[in-house]
Amino acid sequence: MNHSIAIIAAALLAGAGCASAATRQVTLTVPTMDCATCPVTIKVALLKVPGVSRAMVSYAQRNAKVTFDDAKTNVAALTKATDDAGYPSFLADGK
């Protein structure tokens, strides 16, 4: 019986070493916002991207702060979503 416990423990430890997803937040610059309703369109587009859990869009600052699961999506998918909605964007900090 102790042998079984050792096998289970070893399996659990091996799984712990695997890469895991991380929640990440980025700021996208969206320079083409030209009206107060633009942020709604951009937010809806970003929230449709699988893995995005939050999107805060500011017309005044012309940016979008996006929180997402980096195992499910990436910055390229986020910028594609805003571009597809008619609002090209780019990573604000260049990282």
PDB file of N, CA and C in Angstrom:
ATOM      1  N   MET A   1       0.818  -1.181   0.000  1.00  0.00           N
ATOM      2  CA  MET A   1       0.000   0.000   0.000  1.00  0.00           C
ATOM      3  C   MET A   1       0.870   1.256   0.000  1.00  0.00           C
ATOM      4  N   ASN A   2       1.950   1.259   0.753  1.00  0.00           N
ATOM      5  CA  ASN A   2       2.841   2.417   0.780  1.00  0.00           C
ATOM      6  C   ASN A   2       3.450   2.676  -0.592  1.00  0.00           C
ATOM      7  N   HIS A   3       3.655   1.606  -1.359  1.00  0.00           N
ATOM      8  CA  HIS A   3       4.194   1.733  -2.708  1.00  0.00           C
ATOM      9  C   HIS A   3       3.217   2.525  -3.582  1.00  0.00           C
ATOM     10  N   SER A   4       1.933   2.281  -3.436  1.00  0.00           N
ATOM     11  CA  SER A   4       0.909   3.003  -4.213  1.00  0.00           C
ATOM     12  C   SER A   4       0.908   4.481  -3.865  1.00  0.00           C
ATOM     13  N   ILE A   5       1.053   4.784  -2.598  1.00  0.00           N
ATOM     14  CA  ILE A   5       1.080   6.185  -2.169  1.00  0.00           C
ATOM     15  C   ILE A   5       2.295   6.885  -2.766  1.00  0.00           C
ATOM     16  N   ALA A   6       3.424   6.201  -2.793  1.00  0.00           N
ATOM     17  CA  ALA A   6       4.638   6.790  -3.358  1.00  0.00           C
ATOM     18  C   ALA A   6       4.467   7.063  -4.847  1.00  0.00           C
ATOM     19  N   ILE A   7       3.795   6.166  -5.554  1.00  0.00           N
ATOM     20  CA  ILE A   7       3.563   6.364  -6.994  1.00  0.00           C
ATOM     21  C   ILE A   7       2.646   7.560  -7.216  1.00  0.00           C
ATOM     22  N   ILE A   8       1.599   7.674  -6.418  1.00  0.00           N
ATOM     23  CA  ILE A   8       0.663   8.796  -6.544  1.00  0.00           C
ATOM     24  C   ILE A   8       1.382  10.112  -6.227  1.00  0.00           C
ATOM     25  N   ALA A   9       2.163  10.120  -5.175  1.00  0.00           N
ATOM     26  CA  ALA A   9       2.893  11.328  -4.801  1.00  0.00           C
ATOM     27  C   ALA A   9       3.865  11.730  -5.908  1.00  0.00           C
ATOM     28  N   ALA A  10       4.547  10.769  -6.494  1.00  0.00           N
ATOM     29  CA  ALA A  10       5.489  11.062  -7.577  1.00  0.00           C
ATOM     30  C   ALA A  10       4.755  11.640  -8.783  1.00  0.00           C
ATOM     31  N   ALA A  11       3.586  11.097  -9.087  1.00  0.00           N
ATOM     32  CA  ALA A  11       2.802  11.604 -10.214  1.00  0.00           C
ATOM     33  C   ALA A  11       2.349  13.037  -9.958  1.00  0.00           C
ATOM     34  N   LEU A  12       1.942  13.330  -8.749  1.00  0.00           N
ATOM     35  CA  LEU A  12       1.507  14.683  -8.411  1.00  0.00           C
ATOM     36  C   LEU A  12       2.665  15.665  -8.495  1.00  0.00           C
ATOM     37  N   LEU A  13       3.831  15.269  -8.027  1.00  0.00           N
ATOM     38  CA  LEU A  13       5.001  16.137  -8.088  1.00  0.00           C
ATOM     39  C   LEU A  13       5.446  16.365  -9.526  1.00  0.00           C
ATOM     40  N   ALA A  14       5.362  15.353 -10.356  1.00  0.00           N
ATOM     41  CA  ALA A  14       5.735  15.501 -11.762  1.00  0.00           C
ATOM     42  C   ALA A  14       4.801  16.489 -12.441  1.00  0.00           C
ATOM     43  N   GLY A  15       3.529  16.442 -12.120  1.00  0.00           N
ATOM     44  CA  GLY A  15       2.557  17.375 -12.692  1.00  0.00           C
ATOM     45  C   GLY A  15       2.788  18.791 -12.224  1.00  0.00           C
ATOM     46  N   ALA A  16       3.306  18.950 -11.032  1.00  0.00           N
ATOM     47  CA  ALA A  16       3.537  20.287 -10.492  1.00  0.00           C
ATOM     48  C   ALA A  16       4.634  21.015 -11.251  1.00  0.00           C
ATOM     49  N   GLY A  17       5.504  20.278 -11.913  1.00  0.00           N
ATOM     50  CA  GLY A  17       6.588  20.900 -12.650  1.00  0.00           C
ATOM     51  C   GLY A  17       6.178  21.406 -14.020  1.00  0.00           C
ATOM     52  N   CYS A  18       4.987  21.079 -14.472  1.00  0.00           N
ATOM     53  CA  CYS A  18       4.531  21.506 -15.786  1.00  0.00           C
ATOM     54  C   CYS A  18       4.275  23.010 -15.799  1.00  0.00           C
ATOM     55  N   ALA A  19       4.460  23.582 -16.960  1.00  0.00           N
ATOM     56  CA  ALA A  19       4.161  25.008 -17.112  1.00  0.00           C
ATOM     57  C   ALA A  19       2.673  25.235 -16.913  1.00  0.00           C
ATOM     58  N   SER A  20       2.342  26.287 -16.210  1.00  0.00           N
ATOM     59  CA  SER A  20       0.934  26.572 -15.979  1.00  0.00           C
ATOM     60  C   SER A  20       0.595  27.940 -16.542  1.00  0.00           C
ATOM     61  N   ALA A  21      -0.686  28.123 -16.759  1.00  0.00           N
ATOM     62  CA  ALA A  21      -1.156  29.395 -17.302  1.00  0.00           C
ATOM     63  C   ALA A  21      -1.013  30.493 -16.259  1.00  0.00           C
ATOM     64  N   ALA A  22      -0.853  31.676 -16.755  1.00  0.00           N
ATOM     65  CA  ALA A  22      -0.761  32.825 -15.861  1.00  0.00           C
ATOM     66  C   ALA A  22      -1.724  33.899 -16.324  1.00  0.00           C
ATOM     67  N   THR A  23      -2.289  34.589 -15.362  1.00  0.00           N
ATOM     68  CA  THR A  23      -3.121  35.733 -15.693  1.00  0.00           C
ATOM     69  C   THR A  23      -2.176  36.882 -15.992  1.00  0.00           C
ATOM     70  N   ARG A  24      -2.436  37.555 -17.070  1.00  0.00           N
ATOM     71  CA  ARG A  24      -1.556  38.631 -17.512  1.00  0.00           C
ATOM     72  C   ARG A  24      -2.400  39.865 -17.816  1.00  0.00           C
ATOM     73  N   GLN A  25      -1.853  41.034 -17.589  1.00  0.00           N
ATOM     74  CA  GLN A  25      -2.550  42.272 -17.949  1.00  0.00           C
ATOM     75  C   GLN A  25      -1.636  43.102 -18.844  1.00  0.00           C
ATOM     76  N   VAL A  26      -2.225  43.596 -19.935  1.00  0.00           N
ATOM     77  CA  VAL A  26      -1.482  44.469 -20.842  1.00  0.00           C
ATOM     78  C   VAL A  26      -2.325  45.713 -21.121  1.00  0.00           C
ATOM     79  N   THR A  27      -1.659  46.745 -21.556  1.00  0.00           N
ATOM     80  CA  THR A  27      -2.352  47.959 -21.989  1.00  0.00           C
ATOM     81  C   THR A  27      -2.122  48.117 -23.479  1.00  0.00           C
ATOM     82  N   LEU A  28      -3.220  48.221 -24.203  1.00  0.00           N
ATOM     83  CA  LEU A  28      -3.168  48.452 -25.634  1.00  0.00           C
ATOM     84  C   LEU A  28      -3.469  49.923 -25.905  1.00  0.00           C
ATOM     85  N   THR A  29      -2.723  50.528 -26.786  1.00  0.00           N
ATOM     86  CA  THR A  29      -3.025  51.877 -27.241  1.00  0.00           C
ATOM     87  C   THR A  29      -3.954  51.750 -28.441  1.00  0.00           C
ATOM     88  N   VAL A  30      -5.055  52.511 -28.403  1.00  0.00           N
ATOM     89  CA  VAL A  30      -6.043  52.472 -29.477  1.00  0.00           C
ATOM     90  C   VAL A  30      -6.236  53.922 -29.957  1.00  0.00           C
ATOM     91  N   PRO A  31      -5.359  54.400 -30.837  1.00  0.00           N
ATOM     92  CA  PRO A  31      -5.343  55.823 -31.191  1.00  0.00           C
ATOM     93  C   PRO A  31      -6.523  56.298 -32.035  1.00  0.00           C
ATOM     94  N   THR A  32      -7.262  55.396 -32.662  1.00  0.00           N
ATOM     95  CA  THR A  32      -8.323  55.821 -33.579  1.00  0.00           C
ATOM     96  C   THR A  32      -9.692  55.973 -32.931  1.00  0.00           C
ATOM     97  N   MET A  33      -9.766  55.877 -31.615  1.00  0.00           N
ATOM     98  CA  MET A  33     -11.055  56.121 -30.948  1.00  0.00           C
ATOM     99  C   MET A  33     -11.416  57.580 -31.177  1.00  0.00           C
ATOM    100  N   ASP A  34     -12.586  57.828 -31.745  1.00  0.00           N
ATOM    101  CA  ASP A  34     -12.954  59.210 -32.041  1.00  0.00           C
ATOM    102  C   ASP A  34     -14.317  59.621 -31.481  1.00  0.00           C
ATOM    103  N   CYS A  35     -14.926  58.756 -30.685  1.00  0.00           N
ATOM    104  CA  CYS A  35     -16.192  59.139 -30.058  1.00  0.00           C
ATOM    105  C   CYS A  35     -16.348  58.404 -28.726  1.00  0.00           C
ATOM    106  N   ALA A  36     -17.259  58.870 -27.920  1.00  0.00           N
ATOM    107  CA  ALA A  36     -17.439  58.303 -26.582  1.00  0.00           C
ATOM    108  C   ALA A  36     -18.039  56.901 -26.599  1.00  0.00           C
ATOM    109  N   THR A  37     -18.621  56.476 -27.739  1.00  0.00           N
ATOM    110  CA  THR A  37     -19.182  55.119 -27.799  1.00  0.00           C
ATOM    111  C   THR A  37     -18.172  54.090 -28.314  1.00  0.00           C
ATOM    112  N   CYS A  38     -17.051  54.541 -28.842  1.00  0.00           N
ATOM    113  CA  CYS A  38     -16.028  53.608 -29.337  1.00  0.00           C
ATOM    114  C   CYS A  38     -15.585  52.590 -28.282  1.00  0.00           C
ATOM    115  N   PRO A  39     -15.388  53.007 -27.030  1.00  0.00           N
ATOM    116  CA  PRO A  39     -14.939  52.040 -26.028  1.00  0.00           C
ATOM    117  C   PRO A  39     -15.876  50.842 -25.859  1.00  0.00           C
ATOM    118  N   VAL A  40     -17.154  51.047 -26.051  1.00  0.00           N
ATOM    119  CA  VAL A  40     -18.103  49.931 -25.922  1.00  0.00           C
ATOM    120  C   VAL A  40     -17.817  48.884 -26.993  1.00  0.00           C
ATOM    121  N   THR A  41     -17.640  49.320 -28.217  1.00  0.00           N
ATOM    122  CA  THR A  41     -17.356  48.405 -29.325  1.00  0.00           C
ATOM    123  C   THR A  41     -16.051  47.659 -29.089  1.00  0.00           C
ATOM    124  N   ILE A  42     -15.038  48.368 -28.639  1.00  0.00           N
ATOM    125  CA  ILE A  42     -13.728  47.761 -28.396  1.00  0.00           C
ATOM    126  C   ILE A  42     -13.808  46.766 -27.242  1.00  0.00           C
ATOM    127  N   LYS A  43     -14.496  47.132 -26.178  1.00  0.00           N
ATOM    128  CA  LYS A  43     -14.627  46.236 -25.019  1.00  0.00           C
ATOM    129  C   LYS A  43     -15.337  44.951 -25.412  1.00  0.00           C
ATOM    130  N   VAL A  44     -16.431  45.063 -26.146  1.00  0.00           N
ATOM    131  CA  VAL A  44     -17.176  43.869 -26.581  1.00  0.00           C
ATOM    132  C   VAL A  44     -16.274  42.970 -27.432  1.00  0.00           C
ATOM    133  N   ALA A  45     -15.511  43.559 -28.346  1.00  0.00           N
ATOM    134  CA  ALA A  45     -14.611  42.779 -29.198  1.00  0.00           C
ATOM    135  C   ALA A  45     -13.560  42.045 -28.373  1.00  0.00           C
ATOM    136  N   LEU A  46     -12.987  42.725 -27.395  1.00  0.00           N
ATOM    137  CA  LEU A  46     -11.958  42.096 -26.557  1.00  0.00           C
ATOM    138  C   LEU A  46     -12.532  40.990 -25.683  1.00  0.00           C
ATOM    139  N   LEU A  47     -13.719  41.201 -25.131  1.00  0.00           N
ATOM    140  CA  LEU A  47     -14.315  40.187 -24.257  1.00  0.00           C
ATOM    141  C   LEU A  47     -14.730  38.932 -25.010  1.00  0.00           C
ATOM    142  N   LYS A  48     -14.837  39.017 -26.316  1.00  0.00           N
ATOM    143  CA  LYS A  48     -15.160  37.832 -27.128  1.00  0.00           C
ATOM    144  C   LYS A  48     -13.947  36.938 -27.363  1.00  0.00           C
ATOM    145  N   VAL A  49     -12.760  37.443 -27.094  1.00  0.00           N
ATOM    146  CA  VAL A  49     -11.543  36.649 -27.278  1.00  0.00           C
ATOM    147  C   VAL A  49     -11.459  35.618 -26.156  1.00  0.00           C
ATOM    148  N   PRO A  50     -11.378  34.322 -26.499  1.00  0.00           N
ATOM    149  CA  PRO A  50     -11.272  33.295 -25.458  1.00  0.00           C
ATOM    150  C   PRO A  50     -10.075  33.557 -24.546  1.00  0.00           C
ATOM    151  N   GLY A  51     -10.319  33.514 -23.235  1.00  0.00           N
ATOM    152  CA  GLY A  51      -9.255  33.736 -22.264  1.00  0.00           C
ATOM    153  C   GLY A  51      -9.253  35.133 -21.666  1.00  0.00           C
ATOM    154  N   VAL A  52      -9.963  36.074 -22.295  1.00  0.00           N
ATOM    155  CA  VAL A  52     -10.021  37.433 -21.747  1.00  0.00           C
ATOM    156  C   VAL A  52     -11.041  37.454 -20.615  1.00  0.00           C
ATOM    157  N   SER A  53     -10.609  37.927 -19.451  1.00  0.00           N
ATOM    158  CA  SER A  53     -11.510  37.978 -18.297  1.00  0.00           C
ATOM    159  C   SER A  53     -11.965  39.397 -17.977  1.00  0.00           C
ATOM    160  N   ARG A  54     -11.216  40.398 -18.481  1.00  0.00           N
ATOM    161  CA  ARG A  54     -11.580  41.781 -18.171  1.00  0.00           C
ATOM    162  C   ARG A  54     -10.994  42.710 -19.233  1.00  0.00           C
ATOM    163  N   ALA A  55     -11.776  43.718 -19.574  1.00  0.00           N
ATOM    164  CA  ALA A  55     -11.295  44.740 -20.499  1.00  0.00           C
ATOM    165  C   ALA A  55     -11.847  46.082 -20.033  1.00  0.00           C
ATOM    166  N   MET A  56     -10.951  46.998 -19.742  1.00  0.00           N
ATOM    167  CA  MET A  56     -11.339  48.354 -19.341  1.00  0.00           C
ATOM    168  C   MET A  56     -10.817  49.299 -20.417  1.00  0.00           C
ATOM    169  N   VAL A  57     -11.745  49.967 -21.099  1.00  0.00           N
ATOM    170  CA  VAL A  57     -11.371  50.811 -22.229  1.00  0.00           C
ATOM    171  C   VAL A  57     -11.630  52.273 -21.874  1.00  0.00           C
ATOM    172  N   SER A  58     -10.642  53.110 -22.103  1.00  0.00           N
ATOM    173  CA  SER A  58     -10.739  54.533 -21.791  1.00  0.00           C
ATOM    174  C   SER A  58     -10.679  55.367 -23.065  1.00  0.00           C
ATOM    175  N   TYR A  59     -11.767  56.097 -23.320  1.00  0.00           N
ATOM    176  CA  TYR A  59     -11.782  57.026 -24.454  1.00  0.00           C
ATOM    177  C   TYR A  59     -10.805  58.170 -24.210  1.00  0.00           C
ATOM    178  N   ALA A  60     -10.797  58.711 -23.013  1.00  0.00           N
ATOM    179  CA  ALA A  60      -9.932  59.845 -22.681  1.00  0.00           C
ATOM    180  C   ALA A  60      -8.449  59.505 -22.853  1.00  0.00           C
ATOM    181  N   GLN A  61      -8.075  58.291 -22.474  1.00  0.00           N
ATOM    182  CA  GLN A  61      -6.659  57.887 -22.564  1.00  0.00           C
ATOM    183  C   GLN A  61      -6.345  57.130 -23.851  1.00  0.00           C
ATOM    184  N   ARG A  62      -7.380  56.829 -24.622  1.00  0.00           N
ATOM    185  CA  ARG A  62      -7.222  56.083 -25.877  1.00  0.00           C
ATOM    186  C   ARG A  62      -6.481  54.765 -25.667  1.00  0.00           C
ATOM    187  N   ASN A  63      -6.910  54.025 -24.622  1.00  0.00           N
ATOM    188  CA  ASN A  63      -6.265  52.740 -24.372  1.00  0.00           C
ATOM    189  C   ASN A  63      -7.248  51.711 -23.836  1.00  0.00           C
ATOM    190  N   ALA A  64      -6.789  50.479 -23.795  1.00  0.00           N
ATOM    191  CA  ALA A  64      -7.566  49.370 -23.250  1.00  0.00           C
ATOM    192  C   ALA A  64      -6.652  48.553 -22.354  1.00  0.00           C
ATOM    193  N   LYS A  65      -7.078  48.352 -21.112  1.00  0.00           N
ATOM    194  CA  LYS A  65      -6.337  47.486 -20.193  1.00  0.00           C
ATOM    195  C   LYS A  65      -7.054  46.144 -20.199  1.00  0.00           C
ATOM    196  N   VAL A  66      -6.324  45.113 -20.594  1.00  0.00           N
ATOM    197  CA  VAL A  66      -6.922  43.798 -20.814  1.00  0.00           C
ATOM    198  C   VAL A  66      -6.265  42.768 -19.905  1.00  0.00           C
ATOM    199  N   THR A  67      -7.102  42.011 -19.195  1.00  0.00           N
ATOM    200  CA  THR A  67      -6.628  40.914 -18.353  1.00  0.00           C
ATOM    201  C   THR A  67      -7.021  39.616 -19.044  1.00  0.00           C
ATOM    202  N   PHE A  68      -6.053  38.700 -19.185  1.00  0.00           N
ATOM    203  CA  PHE A  68      -6.318  37.473 -19.926  1.00  0.00           C
ATOM    204  C   PHE A  68      -5.460  36.315 -19.422  1.00  0.00           C
ATOM    205  N   ASP A  69      -5.872  35.127 -19.779  1.00  0.00           N
ATOM    206  CA  ASP A  69      -5.154  33.897 -19.475  1.00  0.00           C
ATOM    207  C   ASP A  69      -4.178  33.652 -20.618  1.00  0.00           C
ATOM    208  N   ASP A  70      -2.892  33.716 -20.344  1.00  0.00           N
ATOM    209  CA  ASP A  70      -1.906  33.610 -21.423  1.00  0.00           C
ATOM    210  C   ASP A  70      -1.759  32.200 -21.999  1.00  0.00           C
ATOM    211  N   ALA A  71      -2.470  31.233 -21.433  1.00  0.00           N
ATOM    212  CA  ALA A  71      -2.497  29.900 -22.028  1.00  0.00           C
ATOM    213  C   ALA A  71      -3.594  29.804 -23.086  1.00  0.00           C
ATOM    214  N   LYS A  72      -4.515  30.759 -23.070  1.00  0.00           N
ATOM    215  CA  LYS A  72      -5.647  30.725 -23.999  1.00  0.00           C
ATOM    216  C   LYS A  72      -5.565  31.773 -25.101  1.00  0.00           C
ATOM    217  N   THR A  73      -4.835  32.837 -24.881  1.00  0.00           N
ATOM    218  CA  THR A  73      -4.728  33.892 -25.892  1.00  0.00           C
ATOM    219  C   THR A  73      -3.419  34.645 -25.733  1.00  0.00           C
ATOM    220  N   ASN A  74      -3.210  35.604 -26.619  1.00  0.00           N
ATOM    221  CA  ASN A  74      -1.970  36.384 -26.588  1.00  0.00           C
ATOM    222  C   ASN A  74      -2.244  37.793 -27.116  1.00  0.00           C
ATOM    223  N   VAL A  75      -1.234  38.628 -27.081  1.00  0.00           N
ATOM    224  CA  VAL A  75      -1.383  40.019 -27.495  1.00  0.00           C
ATOM    225  C   VAL A  75      -1.792  40.114 -28.967  1.00  0.00           C
ATOM    226  N   ALA A  76      -1.254  39.254 -29.802  1.00  0.00           N
ATOM    227  CA  ALA A  76      -1.605  39.285 -31.233  1.00  0.00           C
ATOM    228  C   ALA A  76      -3.105  39.062 -31.432  1.00  0.00           C
ATOM    229  N   ALA A  77      -3.695  38.160 -30.668  1.00  0.00           N
ATOM    230  CA  ALA A  77      -5.137  37.919 -30.776  1.00  0.00           C
ATOM    231  C   ALA A  77      -5.939  39.118 -30.285  1.00  0.00           C
ATOM    232  N   LEU A  78      -5.429  39.794 -29.258  1.00  0.00           N
ATOM    233  CA  LEU A  78      -6.117  40.985 -28.739  1.00  0.00           C
ATOM    234  C   LEU A  78      -6.090  42.112 -29.761  1.00  0.00           C
ATOM    235  N   THR A  79      -4.923  42.364 -30.357  1.00  0.00           N
ATOM    236  CA  THR A  79      -4.832  43.439 -31.337  1.00  0.00           C
ATOM    237  C   THR A  79      -5.622  43.099 -32.604  1.00  0.00           C
ATOM    238  N   LYS A  80      -5.690  41.820 -32.931  1.00  0.00           N
ATOM    239  CA  LYS A  80      -6.503  41.404 -34.082  1.00  0.00           C
ATOM    240  C   LYS A  80      -7.979  41.670 -33.800  1.00  0.00           C
ATOM    241  N   ALA A  81      -8.424  41.408 -32.579  1.00  0.00           N
ATOM    242  CA  ALA A  81      -9.826  41.639 -32.221  1.00  0.00           C
ATOM    243  C   ALA A  81     -10.196  43.114 -32.344  1.00  0.00           C
ATOM    244  N   THR A  82      -9.322  43.999 -31.872  1.00  0.00           N
ATOM    245  CA  THR A  82      -9.644  45.428 -31.988  1.00  0.00           C
ATOM    246  C   THR A  82      -9.581  45.874 -33.448  1.00  0.00           C
ATOM    247  N   ASP A  83      -8.619  45.359 -34.180  1.00  0.00           N
ATOM    248  CA  ASP A  83      -8.491  45.696 -35.597  1.00  0.00           C
ATOM    249  C   ASP A  83      -9.729  45.230 -36.369  1.00  0.00           C
ATOM    250  N   ASP A  84     -10.169  44.005 -36.094  1.00  0.00           N
ATOM    251  CA  ASP A  84     -11.360  43.465 -36.758  1.00  0.00           C
ATOM    252  C   ASP A  84     -12.608  44.287 -36.433  1.00  0.00           C
ATOM    253  N   ALA A  85     -12.609  44.940 -35.279  1.00  0.00           N
ATOM    254  CA  ALA A  85     -13.736  45.790 -34.885  1.00  0.00           C
ATOM    255  C   ALA A  85     -13.608  47.198 -35.477  1.00  0.00           C
ATOM    256  N   GLY A  86     -12.506  47.457 -36.194  1.00  0.00           N
ATOM    257  CA  GLY A  86     -12.308  48.749 -36.829  1.00  0.00           C
ATOM    258  C   GLY A  86     -11.417  49.705 -36.067  1.00  0.00           C
ATOM    259  N   TYR A  87     -10.747  49.191 -35.031  1.00  0.00           N
ATOM    260  CA  TYR A  87      -9.910  50.038 -34.191  1.00  0.00           C
ATOM    261  C   TYR A  87      -8.534  49.396 -34.011  1.00  0.00           C
ATOM    262  N   PRO A  88      -7.604  49.656 -34.917  1.00  0.00           N
ATOM    263  CA  PRO A  88      -6.259  49.085 -34.765  1.00  0.00           C
ATOM    264  C   PRO A  88      -5.638  49.495 -33.433  1.00  0.00           C
ATOM    265  N   SER A  89      -4.888  48.586 -32.849  1.00  0.00           N
ATOM    266  CA  SER A  89      -4.239  48.849 -31.563  1.00  0.00           C
ATOM    267  C   SER A  89      -2.843  48.252 -31.561  1.00  0.00           C
ATOM    268  N   PHE A  90      -2.083  48.649 -30.559  1.00  0.00           N
ATOM    269  CA  PHE A  90      -0.735  48.088 -30.379  1.00  0.00           C
ATOM    270  C   PHE A  90      -0.409  48.098 -28.899  1.00  0.00           C
ATOM    271  N   LEU A  91       0.538  47.259 -28.520  1.00  0.00           N
ATOM    272  CA  LEU A  91       0.942  47.146 -27.125  1.00  0.00           C
ATOM    273  C   LEU A  91       1.578  48.459 -26.671  1.00  0.00           C
ATOM    274  N   ALA A  92       1.042  49.041 -25.618  1.00  0.00           N
ATOM    275  CA  ALA A  92       1.464  50.372 -25.172  1.00  0.00           C
ATOM    276  C   ALA A  92       2.909  50.415 -24.703  1.00  0.00           C
ATOM    277  N   ASP A  93       3.343  49.397 -23.969  1.00  0.00           N
ATOM    278  CA  ASP A  93       4.698  49.441 -23.414  1.00  0.00           C
ATOM    279  C   ASP A  93       5.724  48.749 -24.295  1.00  0.00           C
ATOM    280  N   GLY A  94       5.288  48.227 -25.427  1.00  0.00           N
ATOM    281  CA  GLY A  94       6.213  47.597 -26.367  1.00  0.00           C
ATOM    282  C   GLY A  94       6.760  46.257 -25.947  1.00  0.00           C
ATOM    283  N   LYS A  95       6.229  45.673 -24.849  1.00  0.00           N
ATOM    284  CA  LYS A  95       6.734  44.380 -24.365  1.00  0.00           C
ATOM    285  C   LYS A  95       5.864  43.265 -24.886  1.00  0.00           C
TER     286      LYS A  95
END
